[in-house]
Amino acid sequence: METEKIERSNPDSTGETSRSLAVET
């Protein structure tokens, strides 16, 4: 559920955030 929060906060780092989220979730 935090994936959407980070993606909205970091629209520029969607790729990097997605990787960090996949590991955290």
C-alpha atoms as a PDB file:
ATOM      1  CA  MET A   1       0.000   0.000   0.000  1.00  0.00           C
ATOM      2  CA  GLU A   2       2.987   2.271   0.465  1.00  0.00           C
ATOM      3  CA  THR A   3       3.891   1.793  -3.184  1.00  0.00           C
ATOM      4  CA  GLU A   4       1.244   4.298  -4.241  1.00  0.00           C
ATOM      5  CA  LYS A   5       2.361   6.786  -1.598  1.00  0.00           C
ATOM      6  CA  ILE A   6       5.977   6.692  -2.753  1.00  0.00           C
ATOM      7  CA  GLU A   7       5.074   6.739  -6.426  1.00  0.00           C
ATOM      8  CA  ARG A   8       3.016   9.877  -5.882  1.00  0.00           C
ATOM      9  CA  SER A   9       5.751  11.500  -3.800  1.00  0.00           C
ATOM     10  CA  ASN A  10       8.543  10.420  -6.179  1.00  0.00           C
ATOM     11  CA  PRO A  11       7.091  10.525  -9.683  1.00  0.00           C
ATOM     12  CA  ASP A  12      10.642  11.014 -10.924  1.00  0.00           C
ATOM     13  CA  SER A  13      12.015   7.898  -9.224  1.00  0.00           C
ATOM     14  CA  THR A  14       9.156   5.521  -9.957  1.00  0.00           C
ATOM     15  CA  GLY A  15      11.606   2.913 -11.240  1.00  0.00           C
ATOM     16  CA  GLU A  16      13.954   3.145  -8.255  1.00  0.00           C
ATOM     17  CA  THR A  17      11.096   3.380  -5.769  1.00  0.00           C
ATOM     18  CA  SER A  18       9.405   0.339  -7.302  1.00  0.00           C
ATOM     19  CA  ARG A  19      12.573  -1.689  -6.669  1.00  0.00           C
ATOM     20  CA  SER A  20      12.831  -0.553  -3.039  1.00  0.00           C
ATOM     21  CA  LEU A  21       9.129  -1.226  -2.494  1.00  0.00           C
ATOM     22  CA  ALA A  22       9.298  -4.707  -3.977  1.00  0.00           C
ATOM     23  CA  VAL A  23      12.002  -5.534  -1.443  1.00  0.00           C
ATOM     24  CA  GLU A  24      10.274  -3.851   1.492  1.00  0.00           C
ATOM     25  CA  THR A  25       6.847  -5.315   0.736  1.00  0.00           C
END
